[in-house]
PDB file of all heavy atoms in Angstrom:
ATOM      1  N   VAL A   1       0.838  -1.205   0.000  1.00  0.00           N
ATOM      2  CA  VAL A   1       0.000   0.000   0.000  1.00  0.00           C
ATOM      3  C   VAL A   1       0.873   1.254   0.000  1.00  0.00           C
ATOM      4  O   VAL A   1       0.631   2.199  -0.766  1.00  0.00           O
ATOM      5  CB  VAL A   1      -0.963  -0.013   1.205  1.00  0.00           C
ATOM      6  CG1 VAL A   1      -1.632   1.353   1.397  1.00  0.00           C
ATOM      7  CG2 VAL A   1      -2.021  -1.097   1.033  1.00  0.00           C
ATOM      8  N   GLU A   2       1.900   1.276   0.826  1.00  0.00           N
ATOM      9  CA  GLU A   2       2.777   2.444   0.891  1.00  0.00           C
ATOM     10  C   GLU A   2       3.517   2.655  -0.430  1.00  0.00           C
ATOM     11  O   GLU A   2       3.629   3.789  -0.927  1.00  0.00           O
ATOM     12  CB  GLU A   2       3.776   2.278   2.033  1.00  0.00           C
ATOM     13  CG  GLU A   2       4.807   3.404   2.132  1.00  0.00           C
ATOM     14  CD  GLU A   2       4.189   4.781   2.323  1.00  0.00           C
ATOM     15  OE1 GLU A   2       3.072   4.878   2.877  1.00  0.00           O
ATOM     16  OE2 GLU A   2       4.831   5.772   1.904  1.00  0.00           O
ATOM     17  N   ILE A   3       4.010   1.581  -1.029  1.00  0.00           N
ATOM     18  CA  ILE A   3       4.733   1.703  -2.297  1.00  0.00           C
ATOM     19  C   ILE A   3       3.796   2.209  -3.394  1.00  0.00           C
ATOM     20  O   ILE A   3       4.172   3.092  -4.183  1.00  0.00           O
ATOM     21  CB  ILE A   3       5.365   0.351  -2.686  1.00  0.00           C
ATOM     22  CG1 ILE A   3       6.501   0.003  -1.713  1.00  0.00           C
ATOM     23  CG2 ILE A   3       5.892   0.383  -4.115  1.00  0.00           C
ATOM     24  CD1 ILE A   3       6.982  -1.432  -1.815  1.00  0.00           C
ATOM     25  N   CYS A   4       2.580   1.675  -3.473  1.00  0.00           N
ATOM     26  CA  CYS A   4       1.627   2.143  -4.479  1.00  0.00           C
ATOM     27  C   CYS A   4       1.402   3.640  -4.360  1.00  0.00           C
ATOM     28  O   CYS A   4       1.430   4.372  -5.368  1.00  0.00           O
ATOM     29  CB  CYS A   4       0.296   1.403  -4.333  1.00  0.00           C
ATOM     30  SG  CYS A   4       0.274  -0.274  -5.005  1.00  0.00           S
ATOM     31  N   ARG A   5       1.196   4.119  -3.171  1.00  0.00           N
ATOM     32  CA  ARG A   5       0.910   5.543  -2.996  1.00  0.00           C
ATOM     33  C   ARG A   5       2.112   6.404  -3.364  1.00  0.00           C
ATOM     34  O   ARG A   5       1.960   7.512  -3.905  1.00  0.00           O
ATOM     35  CB  ARG A   5       0.441   5.793  -1.567  1.00  0.00           C
ATOM     36  CG  ARG A   5      -0.993   5.274  -1.340  1.00  0.00           C
ATOM     37  CD  ARG A   5      -1.453   5.378   0.078  1.00  0.00           C
ATOM     38  NE  ARG A   5      -2.875   5.008   0.175  1.00  0.00           N
ATOM     39  CZ  ARG A   5      -3.452   4.551   1.281  1.00  0.00           C
ATOM     40  NH1 ARG A   5      -2.730   4.386   2.389  1.00  0.00           N
ATOM     41  NH2 ARG A   5      -4.730   4.251   1.286  1.00  0.00           N
ATOM     42  N   ARG A   6       3.313   5.921  -3.116  1.00  0.00           N
ATOM     43  CA  ARG A   6       4.499   6.669  -3.529  1.00  0.00           C
ATOM     44  C   ARG A   6       4.612   6.720  -5.046  1.00  0.00           C
ATOM     45  O   ARG A   6       4.952   7.751  -5.623  1.00  0.00           O
ATOM     46  CB  ARG A   6       5.760   6.043  -2.921  1.00  0.00           C
ATOM     47  CG  ARG A   6       5.864   6.197  -1.411  1.00  0.00           C
ATOM     48  CD  ARG A   6       7.249   5.757  -0.937  1.00  0.00           C
ATOM     49  NE  ARG A   6       7.312   5.681   0.514  1.00  0.00           N
ATOM     50  CZ  ARG A   6       8.431   5.453   1.192  1.00  0.00           C
ATOM     51  NH1 ARG A   6       9.573   5.263   0.547  1.00  0.00           N
ATOM     52  NH2 ARG A   6       8.419   5.395   2.514  1.00  0.00           N
ATOM     53  N   VAL A   7       4.321   5.591  -5.699  1.00  0.00           N
ATOM     54  CA  VAL A   7       4.380   5.556  -7.167  1.00  0.00           C
ATOM     55  C   VAL A   7       3.379   6.535  -7.752  1.00  0.00           C
ATOM     56  O   VAL A   7       3.686   7.284  -8.688  1.00  0.00           O
ATOM     57  CB  VAL A   7       4.125   4.124  -7.683  1.00  0.00           C
ATOM     58  CG1 VAL A   7       3.942   4.124  -9.198  1.00  0.00           C
ATOM     59  CG2 VAL A   7       5.281   3.202  -7.295  1.00  0.00           C
ATOM     60  N   TRP A   8       2.144   6.544  -7.224  1.00  0.00           N
ATOM     61  CA  TRP A   8       1.108   7.431  -7.769  1.00  0.00           C
ATOM     62  C   TRP A   8       1.451   8.905  -7.549  1.00  0.00           C
ATOM     63  O   TRP A   8       1.018   9.756  -8.314  1.00  0.00           O
ATOM     64  CB  TRP A   8      -0.241   7.111  -7.136  1.00  0.00           C
ATOM     65  CG  TRP A   8      -0.701   5.716  -7.427  1.00  0.00           C
ATOM     66  CD1 TRP A   8      -0.397   4.959  -8.523  1.00  0.00           C
ATOM     67  CD2 TRP A   8      -1.527   4.901  -6.594  1.00  0.00           C
ATOM     68  NE1 TRP A   8      -0.988   3.718  -8.428  1.00  0.00           N
ATOM     69  CE2 TRP A   8      -1.687   3.649  -7.257  1.00  0.00           C
ATOM     70  CE3 TRP A   8      -2.157   5.079  -5.361  1.00  0.00           C
ATOM     71  CZ2 TRP A   8      -2.445   2.613  -6.721  1.00  0.00           C
ATOM     72  CZ3 TRP A   8      -2.903   4.052  -4.824  1.00  0.00           C
ATOM     73  CH2 TRP A   8      -3.056   2.831  -5.501  1.00  0.00           C
ATOM     74  N   ARG A   9       2.235   9.191  -6.500  1.00  0.00           N
ATOM     75  CA  ARG A   9       2.684  10.581  -6.282  1.00  0.00           C
ATOM     76  C   ARG A   9       3.897  10.922  -7.145  1.00  0.00           C
ATOM     77  O   ARG A   9       4.399  12.030  -7.061  1.00  0.00           O
ATOM     78  CB  ARG A   9       3.022  10.787  -4.797  1.00  0.00           C
ATOM     79  CG  ARG A   9       1.830  10.711  -3.868  1.00  0.00           C
ATOM     80  CD  ARG A   9       2.165  11.250  -2.479  1.00  0.00           C
ATOM     81  NE  ARG A   9       3.185  10.475  -1.803  1.00  0.00           N
ATOM     82  CZ  ARG A   9       2.943   9.514  -0.906  1.00  0.00           C
ATOM     83  NH1 ARG A   9       1.684   9.191  -0.622  1.00  0.00           N
ATOM     84  NH2 ARG A   9       3.925   8.858  -0.314  1.00  0.00           N
ATOM     85  N   ARG A  10       4.343   9.962  -7.926  1.00  0.00           N
ATOM     86  CA  ARG A  10       5.493  10.107  -8.829  1.00  0.00           C
ATOM     87  C   ARG A  10       6.763  10.460  -8.066  1.00  0.00           C
ATOM     88  O   ARG A  10       7.603  11.238  -8.533  1.00  0.00           O
ATOM     89  CB  ARG A  10       5.213  11.132  -9.927  1.00  0.00           C
ATOM     90  CG  ARG A  10       4.084  10.747 -10.853  1.00  0.00           C
ATOM     91  CD  ARG A  10       3.973  11.657 -12.054  1.00  0.00           C
ATOM     92  NE  ARG A  10       5.038  11.397 -13.016  1.00  0.00           N
ATOM     93  CZ  ARG A  10       5.880  12.330 -13.435  1.00  0.00           C
ATOM     94  NH1 ARG A  10       5.831  13.550 -12.961  1.00  0.00           N
ATOM     95  NH2 ARG A  10       6.809  12.029 -14.324  1.00  0.00           N
ATOM     96  N   GLU A  11       6.910   9.859  -6.899  1.00  0.00           N
ATOM     97  CA  GLU A  11       8.161  10.012  -6.171  1.00  0.00           C
ATOM     98  C   GLU A  11       9.227   9.142  -6.819  1.00  0.00           C
ATOM     99  O   GLU A  11       8.933   8.064  -7.348  1.00  0.00           O
ATOM    100  CB  GLU A  11       7.976   9.591  -4.710  1.00  0.00           C
ATOM    101  CG  GLU A  11       6.995  10.442  -3.926  1.00  0.00           C
ATOM    102  CD  GLU A  11       6.861   9.975  -2.482  1.00  0.00           C
ATOM    103  OE1 GLU A  11       7.655   9.103  -2.055  1.00  0.00           O
ATOM    104  OE2 GLU A  11       5.958  10.479  -1.785  1.00  0.00           O
ATOM    105  N   THR A  12      10.466   9.597  -6.773  1.00  0.00           N
ATOM    106  CA  THR A  12      11.567   8.716  -7.133  1.00  0.00           C
ATOM    107  C   THR A  12      11.618   7.635  -6.076  1.00  0.00           C
ATOM    108  O   THR A  12      11.816   7.907  -4.894  1.00  0.00           O
ATOM    109  CB  THR A  12      12.884   9.494  -7.197  1.00  0.00           C
ATOM    110  OG1 THR A  12      12.752  10.522  -8.193  1.00  0.00           O
ATOM    111  CG2 THR A  12      14.033   8.570  -7.553  1.00  0.00           C
ATOM    112  N   LEU A  13      11.426   6.389  -6.510  1.00  0.00           N
ATOM    113  CA  LEU A  13      11.108   5.326  -5.554  1.00  0.00           C
ATOM    114  C   LEU A  13      12.364   4.734  -4.922  1.00  0.00           C
ATOM    115  O   LEU A  13      13.175   4.092  -5.599  1.00  0.00           O
ATOM    116  CB  LEU A  13      10.297   4.228  -6.241  1.00  0.00           C
ATOM    117  CG  LEU A  13       9.725   3.153  -5.306  1.00  0.00           C
ATOM    118  CD1 LEU A  13       8.781   3.775  -4.281  1.00  0.00           C
ATOM    119  CD2 LEU A  13       8.993   2.089  -6.103  1.00  0.00           C
ATOM    120  N   VAL A  14      12.483   4.972  -3.633  1.00  0.00           N
ATOM    121  CA  VAL A  14      13.474   4.310  -2.794  1.00  0.00           C
ATOM    122  C   VAL A  14      12.715   3.805  -1.580  1.00  0.00           C
ATOM    123  O   VAL A  14      12.137   4.598  -0.833  1.00  0.00           O
ATOM    124  CB  VAL A  14      14.606   5.256  -2.369  1.00  0.00           C
ATOM    125  CG1 VAL A  14      15.569   4.537  -1.424  1.00  0.00           C
ATOM    126  CG2 VAL A  14      15.357   5.788  -3.584  1.00  0.00           C
ATOM    127  N   PHE A  15      12.705   2.482  -1.411  1.00  0.00           N
ATOM    128  CA  PHE A  15      11.913   1.900  -0.331  1.00  0.00           C
ATOM    129  C   PHE A  15      12.718   0.799   0.345  1.00  0.00           C
ATOM    130  O   PHE A  15      13.210  -0.111  -0.323  1.00  0.00           O
ATOM    131  CB  PHE A  15      10.597   1.321  -0.871  1.00  0.00           C
ATOM    132  CG  PHE A  15       9.658   0.850   0.203  1.00  0.00           C
ATOM    133  CD1 PHE A  15       8.781   1.718   0.819  1.00  0.00           C
ATOM    134  CD2 PHE A  15       9.659  -0.483   0.605  1.00  0.00           C
ATOM    135  CE1 PHE A  15       7.919   1.283   1.812  1.00  0.00           C
ATOM    136  CE2 PHE A  15       8.799  -0.934   1.592  1.00  0.00           C
ATOM    137  CZ  PHE A  15       7.928  -0.050   2.200  1.00  0.00           C
ATOM    138  N   GLU A  16      12.827   0.896   1.648  1.00  0.00           N
ATOM    139  CA  GLU A  16      13.530  -0.130   2.412  1.00  0.00           C
ATOM    140  C   GLU A  16      12.600  -0.650   3.499  1.00  0.00           C
ATOM    141  O   GLU A  16      12.490  -0.078   4.580  1.00  0.00           O
ATOM    142  CB  GLU A  16      14.819   0.447   3.028  1.00  0.00           C
ATOM    143  CG  GLU A  16      15.839   0.876   1.991  1.00  0.00           C
ATOM    144  CD  GLU A  16      17.182   1.237   2.602  1.00  0.00           C
ATOM    145  OE1 GLU A  16      17.371   0.999   3.812  1.00  0.00           O
ATOM    146  OE2 GLU A  16      18.026   1.747   1.857  1.00  0.00           O
ATOM    147  N   GLY A  17      11.903  -1.727   3.188  1.00  0.00           N
ATOM    148  CA  GLY A  17      10.994  -2.327   4.140  1.00  0.00           C
ATOM    149  C   GLY A  17      11.479  -3.691   4.584  1.00  0.00           C
ATOM    150  O   GLY A  17      12.558  -4.155   4.191  1.00  0.00           O
ATOM    151  N   GLU A  18      10.668  -4.345   5.404  1.00  0.00           N
ATOM    152  CA  GLU A  18      11.019  -5.690   5.856  1.00  0.00           C
ATOM    153  C   GLU A  18      10.911  -6.696   4.721  1.00  0.00           C
ATOM    154  O   GLU A  18      11.673  -7.662   4.660  1.00  0.00           O
ATOM    155  CB  GLU A  18      10.095  -6.111   7.003  1.00  0.00           C
ATOM    156  CG  GLU A  18      10.259  -5.299   8.285  1.00  0.00           C
ATOM    157  CD  GLU A  18       9.305  -5.782   9.361  1.00  0.00           C
ATOM    158  OE1 GLU A  18       8.721  -6.879   9.191  1.00  0.00           O
ATOM    159  OE2 GLU A  18       9.129  -5.070  10.367  1.00  0.00           O
ATOM    160  N   ARG A  19       9.966  -6.483   3.798  1.00  0.00           N
ATOM    161  CA  ARG A  19       9.686  -7.456   2.743  1.00  0.00           C
ATOM    162  C   ARG A  19      10.108  -6.984   1.357  1.00  0.00           C
ATOM    163  O   ARG A  19      10.345  -7.819   0.481  1.00  0.00           O
ATOM    164  CB  ARG A  19       8.186  -7.795   2.746  1.00  0.00           C
ATOM    165  CG  ARG A  19       7.714  -8.405   4.060  1.00  0.00           C
ATOM    166  CD  ARG A  19       8.314  -9.767   4.270  1.00  0.00           C
ATOM    167  NE  ARG A  19       8.277 -10.167   5.676  1.00  0.00           N
ATOM    168  CZ  ARG A  19       8.709 -11.339   6.120  1.00  0.00           C
ATOM    169  NH1 ARG A  19       9.213 -12.218   5.266  1.00  0.00           N
ATOM    170  NH2 ARG A  19       8.662 -11.621   7.404  1.00  0.00           N
ATOM    171  N   TYR A  20      10.143  -5.685   1.140  1.00  0.00           N
ATOM    172  CA  TYR A  20      10.479  -5.158  -0.173  1.00  0.00           C
ATOM    173  C   TYR A  20      11.593  -4.128  -0.060  1.00  0.00           C
ATOM    174  O   TYR A  20      11.550  -3.250   0.810  1.00  0.00           O
ATOM    175  CB  TYR A  20       9.249  -4.518  -0.833  1.00  0.00           C
ATOM    176  CG  TYR A  20       8.122  -5.505  -1.060  1.00  0.00           C
ATOM    177  CD1 TYR A  20       7.009  -5.526  -0.214  1.00  0.00           C
ATOM    178  CD2 TYR A  20       8.161  -6.415  -2.114  1.00  0.00           C
ATOM    179  CE1 TYR A  20       5.969  -6.425  -0.413  1.00  0.00           C
ATOM    180  CE2 TYR A  20       7.132  -7.321  -2.317  1.00  0.00           C
ATOM    181  CZ  TYR A  20       6.041  -7.331  -1.468  1.00  0.00           C
ATOM    182  OH  TYR A  20       5.031  -8.222  -1.660  1.00  0.00           O
ATOM    183  N   ARG A  21      12.600  -4.271  -0.940  1.00  0.00           N
ATOM    184  CA  ARG A  21      13.694  -3.306  -1.055  1.00  0.00           C
ATOM    185  C   ARG A  21      13.745  -2.833  -2.503  1.00  0.00           C
ATOM    186  O   ARG A  21      13.927  -3.628  -3.427  1.00  0.00           O
ATOM    187  CB  ARG A  21      15.029  -3.955  -0.674  1.00  0.00           C
ATOM    188  CG  ARG A  21      15.107  -4.456   0.770  1.00  0.00           C
ATOM    189  CD  ARG A  21      15.355  -3.334   1.759  1.00  0.00           C
ATOM    190  NE  ARG A  21      16.602  -2.611   1.472  1.00  0.00           N
ATOM    191  CZ  ARG A  21      17.808  -3.030   1.839  1.00  0.00           C
ATOM    192  NH1 ARG A  21      17.951  -4.193   2.484  1.00  0.00           N
ATOM    193  NH2 ARG A  21      18.880  -2.308   1.559  1.00  0.00           N
ATOM    194  N   ILE A  22      13.569  -1.527  -2.682  1.00  0.00           N
ATOM    195  CA  ILE A  22      13.561  -0.946  -4.023  1.00  0.00           C
ATOM    196  C   ILE A  22      14.438   0.313  -4.007  1.00  0.00           C
ATOM    197  O   ILE A  22      14.194   1.200  -3.184  1.00  0.00           O
ATOM    198  CB  ILE A  22      12.128  -0.574  -4.464  1.00  0.00           C
ATOM    199  CG1 ILE A  22      11.197  -1.795  -4.366  1.00  0.00           C
ATOM    200  CG2 ILE A  22      12.122  -0.023  -5.873  1.00  0.00           C
ATOM    201  CD1 ILE A  22       9.731  -1.454  -4.588  1.00  0.00           C
ATOM    202  N   PRO A  23      15.451   0.397  -4.887  1.00  0.00           N
ATOM    203  CA  PRO A  23      15.935  -0.615  -5.825  1.00  0.00           C
ATOM    204  C   PRO A  23      16.485  -1.855  -5.095  1.00  0.00           C
ATOM    205  O   PRO A  23      16.797  -1.797  -3.905  1.00  0.00           O
ATOM    206  CB  PRO A  23      17.063   0.106  -6.578  1.00  0.00           C
ATOM    207  CG  PRO A  23      16.797   1.554  -6.387  1.00  0.00           C
ATOM    208  CD  PRO A  23      16.190   1.665  -5.014  1.00  0.00           C
ATOM    209  N   LEU A  24      16.634  -2.924  -5.848  1.00  0.00           N
ATOM    210  CA  LEU A  24      17.188  -4.140  -5.270  1.00  0.00           C
ATOM    211  C   LEU A  24      18.630  -3.884  -4.827  1.00  0.00           C
ATOM    212  O   LEU A  24      19.425  -3.318  -5.580  1.00  0.00           O
ATOM    213  CB  LEU A  24      17.154  -5.254  -6.319  1.00  0.00           C
ATOM    214  CG  LEU A  24      17.345  -6.684  -5.786  1.00  0.00           C
ATOM    215  CD1 LEU A  24      16.156  -7.110  -4.951  1.00  0.00           C
ATOM    216  CD2 LEU A  24      17.526  -7.643  -6.968  1.00  0.00           C
ATOM    217  N   PRO A  25      19.008  -4.287  -3.611  1.00  0.00           N
ATOM    218  CA  PRO A  25      20.382  -4.065  -3.140  1.00  0.00           C
ATOM    219  C   PRO A  25      21.402  -4.776  -4.033  1.00  0.00           C
ATOM    220  O   PRO A  25      21.107  -5.838  -4.612  1.00  0.00           O
ATOM    221  CB  PRO A  25      20.366  -4.666  -1.728  1.00  0.00           C
ATOM    222  CG  PRO A  25      18.935  -4.692  -1.324  1.00  0.00           C
ATOM    223  CD  PRO A  25      18.156  -4.908  -2.587  1.00  0.00           C
ATOM    224  N   PRO A  26      22.609  -4.223  -4.158  1.00  0.00           N
ATOM    225  CA  PRO A  26      23.631  -4.815  -5.032  1.00  0.00           C
ATOM    226  C   PRO A  26      23.942  -6.267  -4.711  1.00  0.00           C
ATOM    227  O   PRO A  26      24.222  -7.057  -5.617  1.00  0.00           O
ATOM    228  CB  PRO A  26      24.854  -3.920  -4.796  1.00  0.00           C
ATOM    229  CG  PRO A  26      24.281  -2.610  -4.386  1.00  0.00           C
ATOM    230  CD  PRO A  26      23.053  -2.941  -3.588  1.00  0.00           C
ATOM    231  N   ASP A  27      23.874  -6.645  -3.395  1.00  0.00           N
ATOM    232  CA  ASP A  27      24.216  -8.025  -3.047  1.00  0.00           C
ATOM    233  C   ASP A  27      23.119  -9.018  -3.407  1.00  0.00           C
ATOM    234  O   ASP A  27      23.283 -10.221  -3.233  1.00  0.00           O
ATOM    235  CB  ASP A  27      24.553  -8.123  -1.556  1.00  0.00           C
ATOM    236  CG  ASP A  27      23.384  -7.748  -0.658  1.00  0.00           C
ATOM    237  OD1 ASP A  27      22.366  -7.219  -1.177  1.00  0.00           O
ATOM    238  OD2 ASP A  27      23.469  -7.969   0.562  1.00  0.00           O
ATOM    239  N   ARG A  28      21.991  -8.539  -3.937  1.00  0.00           N
ATOM    240  CA  ARG A  28      20.895  -9.424  -4.342  1.00  0.00           C
ATOM    241  C   ARG A  28      20.643  -9.369  -5.849  1.00  0.00           C
ATOM    242  O   ARG A  28      19.655  -9.919  -6.324  1.00  0.00           O
ATOM    243  CB  ARG A  28      19.623  -9.061  -3.572  1.00  0.00           C
ATOM    244  CG  ARG A  28      19.720  -9.377  -2.080  1.00  0.00           C
ATOM    245  CD  ARG A  28      18.543  -8.810  -1.301  1.00  0.00           C
ATOM    246  NE  ARG A  28      17.264  -9.221  -1.842  1.00  0.00           N
ATOM    247  CZ  ARG A  28      16.092  -8.694  -1.470  1.00  0.00           C
ATOM    248  NH1 ARG A  28      16.063  -7.719  -0.559  1.00  0.00           N
ATOM    249  NH2 ARG A  28      14.972  -9.121  -2.003  1.00  0.00           N
ATOM    250  N   GLY A  29      21.487  -8.693  -6.569  1.00  0.00           N
ATOM    251  CA  GLY A  29      21.294  -8.584  -8.016  1.00  0.00           C
ATOM    252  C   GLY A  29      22.576  -8.158  -8.691  1.00  0.00           C
ATOM    253  O   GLY A  29      23.680  -8.448  -8.213  1.00  0.00           O
ATOM    254  N   THR A  30      22.450  -7.426  -9.786  1.00  0.00           N
ATOM    255  CA  THR A  30      23.627  -6.992 -10.542  1.00  0.00           C
ATOM    256  C   THR A  30      24.279  -5.748  -9.956  1.00  0.00           C
ATOM    257  O   THR A  30      25.407  -5.414 -10.301  1.00  0.00           O
ATOM    258  CB  THR A  30      23.224  -6.671 -11.988  1.00  0.00           C
ATOM    259  OG1 THR A  30      22.313  -5.554 -11.992  1.00  0.00           O
ATOM    260  CG2 THR A  30      22.573  -7.875 -12.653  1.00  0.00           C
ATOM    261  N   GLY A  31      23.537  -5.047  -9.106  1.00  0.00           N
ATOM    262  CA  GLY A  31      24.032  -3.773  -8.593  1.00  0.00           C
ATOM    263  C   GLY A  31      23.763  -2.617  -9.528  1.00  0.00           C
ATOM    264  O   GLY A  31      24.203  -1.480  -9.265  1.00  0.00           O
ATOM    265  N   LEU A  32      23.036  -2.852 -10.617  1.00  0.00           N
ATOM    266  CA  LEU A  32      22.790  -1.808 -11.611  1.00  0.00           C
ATOM    267  C   LEU A  32      21.435  -1.123 -11.440  1.00  0.00           C
ATOM    268  O   LEU A  32      21.111  -0.202 -12.196  1.00  0.00           O
ATOM    269  CB  LEU A  32      22.880  -2.409 -13.019  1.00  0.00           C
ATOM    270  CG  LEU A  32      24.243  -3.002 -13.397  1.00  0.00           C
ATOM    271  CD1 LEU A  32      24.164  -3.652 -14.765  1.00  0.00           C
ATOM    272  CD2 LEU A  32      25.321  -1.930 -13.360  1.00  0.00           C
ATOM    273  N   GLY A  33      20.634  -1.586 -10.484  1.00  0.00           N
ATOM    274  CA  GLY A  33      19.331  -0.971 -10.287  1.00  0.00           C
ATOM    275  C   GLY A  33      19.458   0.478  -9.869  1.00  0.00           C
ATOM    276  O   GLY A  33      20.333   0.851  -9.095  1.00  0.00           O
ATOM    277  N   LYS A  34      18.575   1.338 -10.377  1.00  0.00           N
ATOM    278  CA  LYS A  34      18.616   2.759 -10.038  1.00  0.00           C
ATOM    279  C   LYS A  34      17.212   3.227  -9.663  1.00  0.00           C
ATOM    280  O   LYS A  34      16.213   2.716 -10.179  1.00  0.00           O
ATOM    281  CB  LYS A  34      19.150   3.584 -11.205  1.00  0.00           C
ATOM    282  CG  LYS A  34      18.338   3.474 -12.482  1.00  0.00           C
ATOM    283  CD  LYS A  34      18.913   4.316 -13.618  1.00  0.00           C
ATOM    284  CE  LYS A  34      18.736   5.796 -13.334  1.00  0.00           C
ATOM    285  NZ  LYS A  34      19.170   6.627 -14.490  1.00  0.00           N
ATOM    286  N   PRO A  35      17.106   4.190  -8.763  1.00  0.00           N
ATOM    287  CA  PRO A  35      15.788   4.711  -8.391  1.00  0.00           C
ATOM    288  C   PRO A  35      15.111   5.376  -9.584  1.00  0.00           C
ATOM    289  O   PRO A  35      15.729   6.151 -10.310  1.00  0.00           O
ATOM    290  CB  PRO A  35      16.104   5.727  -7.292  1.00  0.00           C
ATOM    291  CG  PRO A  35      17.449   5.341  -6.774  1.00  0.00           C
ATOM    292  CD  PRO A  35      18.186   4.794  -7.962  1.00  0.00           C
ATOM    293  N   LEU A  36      13.821   5.047  -9.770  1.00  0.00           N
ATOM    294  CA  LEU A  36      13.040   5.592 -10.876  1.00  0.00           C
ATOM    295  C   LEU A  36      11.702   6.093 -10.351  1.00  0.00           C
ATOM    296  O   LEU A  36      11.295   5.769  -9.239  1.00  0.00           O
ATOM    297  CB  LEU A  36      12.803   4.518 -11.935  1.00  0.00           C
ATOM    298  CG  LEU A  36      14.032   3.915 -12.619  1.00  0.00           C
ATOM    299  CD1 LEU A  36      13.638   2.703 -13.442  1.00  0.00           C
ATOM    300  CD2 LEU A  36      14.734   4.954 -13.477  1.00  0.00           C
ATOM    301  N   LYS A  37      11.026   6.866 -11.180  1.00  0.00           N
ATOM    302  CA  LYS A  37       9.651   7.257 -10.867  1.00  0.00           C
ATOM    303  C   LYS A  37       8.777   6.971 -12.074  1.00  0.00           C
ATOM    304  O   LYS A  37       9.270   6.821 -13.206  1.00  0.00           O
ATOM    305  CB  LYS A  37       9.568   8.722 -10.470  1.00  0.00           C
ATOM    306  CG  LYS A  37       9.870   9.721 -11.575  1.00  0.00           C
ATOM    307  CD  LYS A  37       9.719  11.139 -11.044  1.00  0.00           C
ATOM    308  CE  LYS A  37      10.042  12.177 -12.129  1.00  0.00           C
ATOM    309  NZ  LYS A  37       9.909  13.552 -11.596  1.00  0.00           N
ATOM    310  N   LEU A  38       7.494   6.887 -11.855  1.00  0.00           N
ATOM    311  CA  LEU A  38       6.544   6.577 -12.919  1.00  0.00           C
ATOM    312  C   LEU A  38       6.652   7.613 -14.037  1.00  0.00           C
ATOM    313  O   LEU A  38       6.638   8.822 -13.780  1.00  0.00           O
ATOM    314  CB  LEU A  38       5.121   6.542 -12.346  1.00  0.00           C
ATOM    315  CG  LEU A  38       4.015   6.056 -13.271  1.00  0.00           C
ATOM    316  CD1 LEU A  38       4.177   4.575 -13.578  1.00  0.00           C
ATOM    317  CD2 LEU A  38       2.649   6.317 -12.643  1.00  0.00           C
ATOM    318  N   ILE A  39       6.770   7.149 -15.269  1.00  0.00           N
ATOM    319  CA  ILE A  39       6.900   8.066 -16.404  1.00  0.00           C
ATOM    320  C   ILE A  39       5.635   8.904 -16.574  1.00  0.00           C
ATOM    321  O   ILE A  39       5.690  10.130 -16.733  1.00  0.00           O
ATOM    322  CB  ILE A  39       7.190   7.273 -17.694  1.00  0.00           C
ATOM    323  CG1 ILE A  39       8.587   6.629 -17.625  1.00  0.00           C
ATOM    324  CG2 ILE A  39       7.081   8.172 -18.926  1.00  0.00           C
ATOM    325  CD1 ILE A  39       8.886   5.696 -18.785  1.00  0.00           C
ATOM    326  N   ASN A  40       4.498   8.244 -16.563  1.00  0.00           N
ATOM    327  CA  ASN A  40       3.229   8.936 -16.795  1.00  0.00           C
ATOM    328  C   ASN A  40       2.780   9.692 -15.551  1.00  0.00           C
ATOM    329  O   ASN A  40       3.123   9.335 -14.430  1.00  0.00           O
ATOM    330  CB  ASN A  40       2.135   7.937 -17.183  1.00  0.00           C
ATOM    331  CG  ASN A  40       2.576   6.991 -18.269  1.00  0.00           C
ATOM    332  OD1 ASN A  40       3.186   5.963 -17.958  1.00  0.00           O
ATOM    333  ND2 ASN A  40       2.297   7.316 -19.502  1.00  0.00           N
TER     334      ASN A  40
END
């Protein structure tokens, strides 16, 4: 719910929760993820 509301406000999305981390941390992926916001 919190992430959805941030996306709809067109915030540059950085979220660090217990269950979701956005962008994905480097140790869990390629390390190339970057904060983005909804284009529209």
